[in-house]
Amino acid sequence: MKMILASLSTARRSMLEAAGLQFEARSALINEAASKAGLKSDGLAAHAIAKALAEMKALSIDAPKALVIGSDQ
């Protein structure tokens, strides 16, 4: 199965490469600053914001037959 990292982050790519995984890195198609601001204004805790952003990033990639990894900190 094809694996896609929904991030162009050097650190995240390095972690997957160090694990020996083969993947394609793509830019997540979200406005992260606006999304984060909206989640903060909803009163979400930091861990909930990170989880929501990671999910948004993964879901922004159109690849129905691939495993898409979204990540945030």
PDB file of N, CA and C in Angstrom:
ATOM      1  N   MET A   1       0.846  -1.178   0.000  1.00  0.00           N
ATOM      2  CA  MET A   1       0.000   0.000   0.000  1.00  0.00           C
ATOM      3  C   MET A   1       0.889   1.239   0.000  1.00  0.00           C
ATOM      4  N   LYS A   2       0.507   2.199  -0.805  1.00  0.00           N
ATOM      5  CA  LYS A   2       1.242   3.457  -0.887  1.00  0.00           C
ATOM      6  C   LYS A   2       1.029   4.259   0.398  1.00  0.00           C
ATOM      7  N   MET A   3       2.097   4.880   0.893  1.00  0.00           N
ATOM      8  CA  MET A   3       2.028   5.703   2.097  1.00  0.00           C
ATOM      9  C   MET A   3       2.359   7.142   1.729  1.00  0.00           C
ATOM     10  N   ILE A   4       1.534   8.069   2.234  1.00  0.00           N
ATOM     11  CA  ILE A   4       1.737   9.485   1.969  1.00  0.00           C
ATOM     12  C   ILE A   4       1.809  10.233   3.291  1.00  0.00           C
ATOM     13  N   LEU A   5       2.825  11.050   3.427  1.00  0.00           N
ATOM     14  CA  LEU A   5       2.953  11.943   4.573  1.00  0.00           C
ATOM     15  C   LEU A   5       2.353  13.282   4.165  1.00  0.00           C
ATOM     16  N   ALA A   6       1.328  13.733   4.883  1.00  0.00           N
ATOM     17  CA  ALA A   6       0.658  14.995   4.559  1.00  0.00           C
ATOM     18  C   ALA A   6       1.423  16.154   5.196  1.00  0.00           C
ATOM     19  N   SER A   7       2.682  16.261   4.836  1.00  0.00           N
ATOM     20  CA  SER A   7       3.550  17.291   5.396  1.00  0.00           C
ATOM     21  C   SER A   7       4.842  17.343   4.597  1.00  0.00           C
ATOM     22  N   LEU A   8       5.383  18.527   4.458  1.00  0.00           N
ATOM     23  CA  LEU A   8       6.705  18.675   3.843  1.00  0.00           C
ATOM     24  C   LEU A   8       7.768  18.963   4.903  1.00  0.00           C
ATOM     25  N   SER A   9       7.410  18.754   6.166  1.00  0.00           N
ATOM     26  CA  SER A   9       8.319  18.992   7.279  1.00  0.00           C
ATOM     27  C   SER A   9       9.552  18.090   7.182  1.00  0.00           C
ATOM     28  N   THR A  10      10.703  18.709   7.249  1.00  0.00           N
ATOM     29  CA  THR A  10      11.954  17.947   7.219  1.00  0.00           C
ATOM     30  C   THR A  10      12.034  16.986   8.397  1.00  0.00           C
ATOM     31  N   ALA A  11      11.627  17.434   9.568  1.00  0.00           N
ATOM     32  CA  ALA A  11      11.694  16.585  10.763  1.00  0.00           C
ATOM     33  C   ALA A  11      10.795  15.356  10.625  1.00  0.00           C
ATOM     34  N   ARG A  12       9.586  15.545  10.140  1.00  0.00           N
ATOM     35  CA  ARG A  12       8.659  14.414  10.003  1.00  0.00           C
ATOM     36  C   ARG A  12       9.145  13.445   8.922  1.00  0.00           C
ATOM     37  N   ARG A  13       9.658  13.985   7.832  1.00  0.00           N
ATOM     38  CA  ARG A  13      10.210  13.108   6.784  1.00  0.00           C
ATOM     39  C   ARG A  13      11.385  12.316   7.334  1.00  0.00           C
ATOM     40  N   SER A  14      12.245  12.960   8.104  1.00  0.00           N
ATOM     41  CA  SER A  14      13.414  12.276   8.666  1.00  0.00           C
ATOM     42  C   SER A  14      13.020  11.128   9.578  1.00  0.00           C
ATOM     43  N   MET A  15      11.966  11.332  10.368  1.00  0.00           N
ATOM     44  CA  MET A  15      11.513  10.262  11.268  1.00  0.00           C
ATOM     45  C   MET A  15      11.057   9.032  10.487  1.00  0.00           C
ATOM     46  N   LEU A  16      10.285   9.251   9.436  1.00  0.00           N
ATOM     47  CA  LEU A  16       9.813   8.112   8.641  1.00  0.00           C
ATOM     48  C   LEU A  16      10.952   7.454   7.880  1.00  0.00           C
ATOM     49  N   GLU A  17      11.874   8.258   7.366  1.00  0.00           N
ATOM     50  CA  GLU A  17      13.038   7.696   6.674  1.00  0.00           C
ATOM     51  C   GLU A  17      13.897   6.877   7.635  1.00  0.00           C
ATOM     52  N   ALA A  18      14.084   7.370   8.861  1.00  0.00           N
ATOM     53  CA  ALA A  18      14.877   6.649   9.861  1.00  0.00           C
ATOM     54  C   ALA A  18      14.229   5.315  10.235  1.00  0.00           C
ATOM     55  N   ALA A  19      12.918   5.256  10.113  1.00  0.00           N
ATOM     56  CA  ALA A  19      12.196   4.006  10.397  1.00  0.00           C
ATOM     57  C   ALA A  19      12.244   3.052   9.206  1.00  0.00           C
ATOM     58  N   GLY A  20      12.845   3.486   8.110  1.00  0.00           N
ATOM     59  CA  GLY A  20      12.988   2.635   6.938  1.00  0.00           C
ATOM     60  C   GLY A  20      11.729   2.556   6.084  1.00  0.00           C
ATOM     61  N   LEU A  21      10.822   3.507   6.248  1.00  0.00           N
ATOM     62  CA  LEU A  21       9.568   3.479   5.503  1.00  0.00           C
ATOM     63  C   LEU A  21       9.705   4.191   4.169  1.00  0.00           C
ATOM     64  N   GLN A  22       9.018   3.670   3.167  1.00  0.00           N
ATOM     65  CA  GLN A  22       8.979   4.318   1.874  1.00  0.00           C
ATOM     66  C   GLN A  22       7.662   5.080   1.785  1.00  0.00           C
ATOM     67  N   PHE A  23       7.731   6.347   1.419  1.00  0.00           N
ATOM     68  CA  PHE A  23       6.545   7.191   1.405  1.00  0.00           C
ATOM     69  C   PHE A  23       6.752   8.351   0.454  1.00  0.00           C
ATOM     70  N   GLU A  24       5.667   9.000   0.156  1.00  0.00           N
ATOM     71  CA  GLU A  24       5.687  10.228  -0.629  1.00  0.00           C
ATOM     72  C   GLU A  24       5.255  11.352   0.298  1.00  0.00           C
ATOM     73  N   ALA A  25       5.925  12.476   0.256  1.00  0.00           N
ATOM     74  CA  ALA A  25       5.546  13.633   1.068  1.00  0.00           C
ATOM     75  C   ALA A  25       4.795  14.631   0.196  1.00  0.00           C
ATOM     76  N   ARG A  26       3.638  15.070   0.683  1.00  0.00           N
ATOM     77  CA  ARG A  26       2.838  16.075  -0.024  1.00  0.00           C
ATOM     78  C   ARG A  26       2.451  17.169   0.958  1.00  0.00           C
ATOM     79  N   SER A  27       2.284  18.347   0.434  1.00  0.00           N
ATOM     80  CA  SER A  27       1.841  19.462   1.261  1.00  0.00           C
ATOM     81  C   SER A  27       0.371  19.283   1.617  1.00  0.00           C
ATOM     82  N   ALA A  28       0.055  19.419   2.896  1.00  0.00           N
ATOM     83  CA  ALA A  28      -1.340  19.367   3.324  1.00  0.00           C
ATOM     84  C   ALA A  28      -2.072  20.577   2.766  1.00  0.00           C
ATOM     85  N   LEU A  29      -3.286  20.362   2.331  1.00  0.00           N
ATOM     86  CA  LEU A  29      -4.043  21.413   1.658  1.00  0.00           C
ATOM     87  C   LEU A  29      -5.013  22.096   2.614  1.00  0.00           C
ATOM     88  N   ILE A  30      -4.479  22.617   3.711  1.00  0.00           N
ATOM     89  CA  ILE A  30      -5.305  23.360   4.661  1.00  0.00           C
ATOM     90  C   ILE A  30      -4.621  24.681   4.990  1.00  0.00           C
ATOM     91  N   ASN A  31      -5.404  25.621   5.449  1.00  0.00           N
ATOM     92  CA  ASN A  31      -4.859  26.865   5.976  1.00  0.00           C
ATOM     93  C   ASN A  31      -4.651  26.618   7.467  1.00  0.00           C
ATOM     94  N   GLU A  32      -3.449  26.209   7.817  1.00  0.00           N
ATOM     95  CA  GLU A  32      -3.178  25.782   9.189  1.00  0.00           C
ATOM     96  C   GLU A  32      -3.384  26.905  10.201  1.00  0.00           C
ATOM     97  N   ALA A  33      -2.948  28.105   9.879  1.00  0.00           N
ATOM     98  CA  ALA A  33      -3.097  29.218  10.824  1.00  0.00           C
ATOM     99  C   ALA A  33      -4.565  29.516  11.103  1.00  0.00           C
ATOM    100  N   ALA A  34      -5.372  29.558  10.047  1.00  0.00           N
ATOM    101  CA  ALA A  34      -6.805  29.835  10.227  1.00  0.00           C
ATOM    102  C   ALA A  34      -7.496  28.693  10.962  1.00  0.00           C
ATOM    103  N   SER A  35      -7.137  27.469  10.625  1.00  0.00           N
ATOM    104  CA  SER A  35      -7.740  26.315  11.295  1.00  0.00           C
ATOM    105  C   SER A  35      -7.393  26.302  12.776  1.00  0.00           C
ATOM    106  N   LYS A  36      -6.116  26.554  13.084  1.00  0.00           N
ATOM    107  CA  LYS A  36      -5.673  26.573  14.481  1.00  0.00           C
ATOM    108  C   LYS A  36      -6.382  27.686  15.253  1.00  0.00           C
ATOM    109  N   ALA A  37      -6.511  28.855  14.640  1.00  0.00           N
ATOM    110  CA  ALA A  37      -7.192  29.971  15.301  1.00  0.00           C
ATOM    111  C   ALA A  37      -8.645  29.619  15.600  1.00  0.00           C
ATOM    112  N   GLY A  38      -9.306  28.974  14.652  1.00  0.00           N
ATOM    113  CA  GLY A  38     -10.692  28.576  14.862  1.00  0.00           C
ATOM    114  C   GLY A  38     -10.834  27.556  15.975  1.00  0.00           C
ATOM    115  N   LEU A  39      -9.930  26.602  16.015  1.00  0.00           N
ATOM    116  CA  LEU A  39      -9.974  25.578  17.065  1.00  0.00           C
ATOM    117  C   LEU A  39      -9.702  26.187  18.433  1.00  0.00           C
ATOM    118  N   LYS A  40      -8.754  27.139  18.479  1.00  0.00           N
ATOM    119  CA  LYS A  40      -8.468  27.825  19.751  1.00  0.00           C
ATOM    120  C   LYS A  40      -9.679  28.620  20.214  1.00  0.00           C
ATOM    121  N   SER A  41     -10.340  29.289  19.281  1.00  0.00           N
ATOM    122  CA  SER A  41     -11.505  30.095  19.659  1.00  0.00           C
ATOM    123  C   SER A  41     -12.663  29.219  20.116  1.00  0.00           C
ATOM    124  N   ASP A  42     -12.652  27.959  19.700  1.00  0.00           N
ATOM    125  CA  ASP A  42     -13.661  27.002  20.177  1.00  0.00           C
ATOM    126  C   ASP A  42     -13.341  26.495  21.573  1.00  0.00           C
ATOM    127  N   GLY A  43     -12.172  26.877  22.102  1.00  0.00           N
ATOM    128  CA  GLY A  43     -11.801  26.505  23.457  1.00  0.00           C
ATOM    129  C   GLY A  43     -11.143  25.137  23.588  1.00  0.00           C
ATOM    130  N   LEU A  44     -10.667  24.571  22.494  1.00  0.00           N
ATOM    131  CA  LEU A  44     -10.034  23.257  22.567  1.00  0.00           C
ATOM    132  C   LEU A  44      -8.684  23.336  23.272  1.00  0.00           C
ATOM    133  N   ALA A  45      -8.346  22.276  23.974  1.00  0.00           N
ATOM    134  CA  ALA A  45      -7.047  22.156  24.633  1.00  0.00           C
ATOM    135  C   ALA A  45      -5.979  21.900  23.574  1.00  0.00           C
ATOM    136  N   ALA A  46      -4.719  22.152  23.921  1.00  0.00           N
ATOM    137  CA  ALA A  46      -3.609  22.025  22.972  1.00  0.00           C
ATOM    138  C   ALA A  46      -3.552  20.637  22.332  1.00  0.00           C
ATOM    139  N   HIS A  47      -3.728  19.583  23.120  1.00  0.00           N
ATOM    140  CA  HIS A  47      -3.652  18.230  22.546  1.00  0.00           C
ATOM    141  C   HIS A  47      -4.800  17.978  21.571  1.00  0.00           C
ATOM    142  N   ALA A  48      -5.965  18.539  21.839  1.00  0.00           N
ATOM    143  CA  ALA A  48      -7.111  18.373  20.946  1.00  0.00           C
ATOM    144  C   ALA A  48      -6.906  19.155  19.648  1.00  0.00           C
ATOM    145  N   ILE A  49      -6.273  20.307  19.750  1.00  0.00           N
ATOM    146  CA  ILE A  49      -5.965  21.096  18.555  1.00  0.00           C
ATOM    147  C   ILE A  49      -4.983  20.332  17.671  1.00  0.00           C
ATOM    148  N   ALA A  50      -3.935  19.773  18.272  1.00  0.00           N
ATOM    149  CA  ALA A  50      -2.941  19.012  17.509  1.00  0.00           C
ATOM    150  C   ALA A  50      -3.596  17.814  16.820  1.00  0.00           C
ATOM    151  N   LYS A  51      -4.455  17.113  17.534  1.00  0.00           N
ATOM    152  CA  LYS A  51      -5.138  15.947  16.959  1.00  0.00           C
ATOM    153  C   LYS A  51      -6.044  16.375  15.801  1.00  0.00           C
ATOM    154  N   ALA A  52      -6.794  17.456  15.979  1.00  0.00           N
ATOM    155  CA  ALA A  52      -7.694  17.934  14.931  1.00  0.00           C
ATOM    156  C   ALA A  52      -6.915  18.389  13.702  1.00  0.00           C
ATOM    157  N   LEU A  53      -5.818  19.114  13.902  1.00  0.00           N
ATOM    158  CA  LEU A  53      -5.003  19.569  12.769  1.00  0.00           C
ATOM    159  C   LEU A  53      -4.396  18.384  12.015  1.00  0.00           C
ATOM    160  N   ALA A  54      -3.936  17.387  12.735  1.00  0.00           N
ATOM    161  CA  ALA A  54      -3.367  16.198  12.096  1.00  0.00           C
ATOM    162  C   ALA A  54      -4.422  15.508  11.229  1.00  0.00           C
ATOM    163  N   GLU A  55      -5.625  15.410  11.753  1.00  0.00           N
ATOM    164  CA  GLU A  55      -6.708  14.778  10.995  1.00  0.00           C
ATOM    165  C   GLU A  55      -7.058  15.608   9.754  1.00  0.00           C
ATOM    166  N   MET A  56      -7.136  16.922   9.922  1.00  0.00           N
ATOM    167  CA  MET A  56      -7.435  17.799   8.775  1.00  0.00           C
ATOM    168  C   MET A  56      -6.380  17.653   7.680  1.00  0.00           C
ATOM    169  N   LYS A  57      -5.121  17.595   8.095  1.00  0.00           N
ATOM    170  CA  LYS A  57      -4.031  17.464   7.126  1.00  0.00           C
ATOM    171  C   LYS A  57      -4.148  16.154   6.355  1.00  0.00           C
ATOM    172  N   ALA A  58      -4.388  15.065   7.067  1.00  0.00           N
ATOM    173  CA  ALA A  58      -4.508  13.765   6.405  1.00  0.00           C
ATOM    174  C   ALA A  58      -5.700  13.739   5.452  1.00  0.00           C
ATOM    175  N   LEU A  59      -6.819  14.280   5.893  1.00  0.00           N
ATOM    176  CA  LEU A  59      -8.026  14.256   5.070  1.00  0.00           C
ATOM    177  C   LEU A  59      -7.944  15.203   3.871  1.00  0.00           C
ATOM    178  N   SER A  60      -7.000  16.128   3.892  1.00  0.00           N
ATOM    179  CA  SER A  60      -6.872  17.069   2.775  1.00  0.00           C
ATOM    180  C   SER A  60      -6.200  16.443   1.553  1.00  0.00           C
ATOM    181  N   ILE A  61      -5.610  15.287   1.732  1.00  0.00           N
ATOM    182  CA  ILE A  61      -4.915  14.604   0.638  1.00  0.00           C
ATOM    183  C   ILE A  61      -5.886  13.638  -0.047  1.00  0.00           C
ATOM    184  N   ASP A  62      -6.071  13.811  -1.338  1.00  0.00           N
ATOM    185  CA  ASP A  62      -6.973  12.957  -2.107  1.00  0.00           C
ATOM    186  C   ASP A  62      -6.201  11.752  -2.623  1.00  0.00           C
ATOM    187  N   ALA A  63      -6.246  10.680  -1.859  1.00  0.00           N
ATOM    188  CA  ALA A  63      -5.549   9.449  -2.239  1.00  0.00           C
ATOM    189  C   ALA A  63      -6.291   8.274  -1.613  1.00  0.00           C
ATOM    190  N   PRO A  64      -7.436   7.891  -2.194  1.00  0.00           N
ATOM    191  CA  PRO A  64      -8.284   6.881  -1.566  1.00  0.00           C
ATOM    192  C   PRO A  64      -7.653   5.500  -1.375  1.00  0.00           C
ATOM    193  N   LYS A  65      -6.631   5.182  -2.150  1.00  0.00           N
ATOM    194  CA  LYS A  65      -6.011   3.856  -2.028  1.00  0.00           C
ATOM    195  C   LYS A  65      -4.682   3.901  -1.305  1.00  0.00           C
ATOM    196  N   ALA A  66      -4.433   4.974  -0.567  1.00  0.00           N
ATOM    197  CA  ALA A  66      -3.158   5.120   0.130  1.00  0.00           C
ATOM    198  C   ALA A  66      -3.396   5.306   1.618  1.00  0.00           C
ATOM    199  N   LEU A  67      -2.388   4.999   2.387  1.00  0.00           N
ATOM    200  CA  LEU A  67      -2.381   5.294   3.808  1.00  0.00           C
ATOM    201  C   LEU A  67      -1.798   6.691   3.950  1.00  0.00           C
ATOM    202  N   VAL A  68      -2.606   7.629   4.433  1.00  0.00           N
ATOM    203  CA  VAL A  68      -2.171   9.015   4.553  1.00  0.00           C
ATOM    204  C   VAL A  68      -1.925   9.329   6.022  1.00  0.00           C
ATOM    205  N   ILE A  69      -0.748   9.856   6.312  1.00  0.00           N
ATOM    206  CA  ILE A  69      -0.364  10.193   7.681  1.00  0.00           C
ATOM    207  C   ILE A  69      -0.404  11.700   7.847  1.00  0.00           C
ATOM    208  N   GLY A  70      -1.207  12.159   8.802  1.00  0.00           N
ATOM    209  CA  GLY A  70      -1.231  13.560   9.181  1.00  0.00           C
ATOM    210  C   GLY A  70      -0.593  13.686  10.554  1.00  0.00           C
ATOM    211  N   SER A  71       0.082  14.786  10.781  1.00  0.00           N
ATOM    212  CA  SER A  71       0.782  14.954  12.046  1.00  0.00           C
ATOM    213  C   SER A  71       0.804  16.420  12.442  1.00  0.00           C
ATOM    214  N   ASP A  72       0.781  16.672  13.748  1.00  0.00           N
ATOM    215  CA  ASP A  72       0.922  18.017  14.275  1.00  0.00           C
ATOM    216  C   ASP A  72       1.488  17.898  15.683  1.00  0.00           C
ATOM    217  N   GLN A  73       1.984  19.012  16.201  1.00  0.00           N
ATOM    218  CA  GLN A  73       2.560  18.981  17.541  1.00  0.00           C
ATOM    219  C   GLN A  73       1.977  20.054  18.403  1.00  0.00           C
TER     220      GLN A  73
END
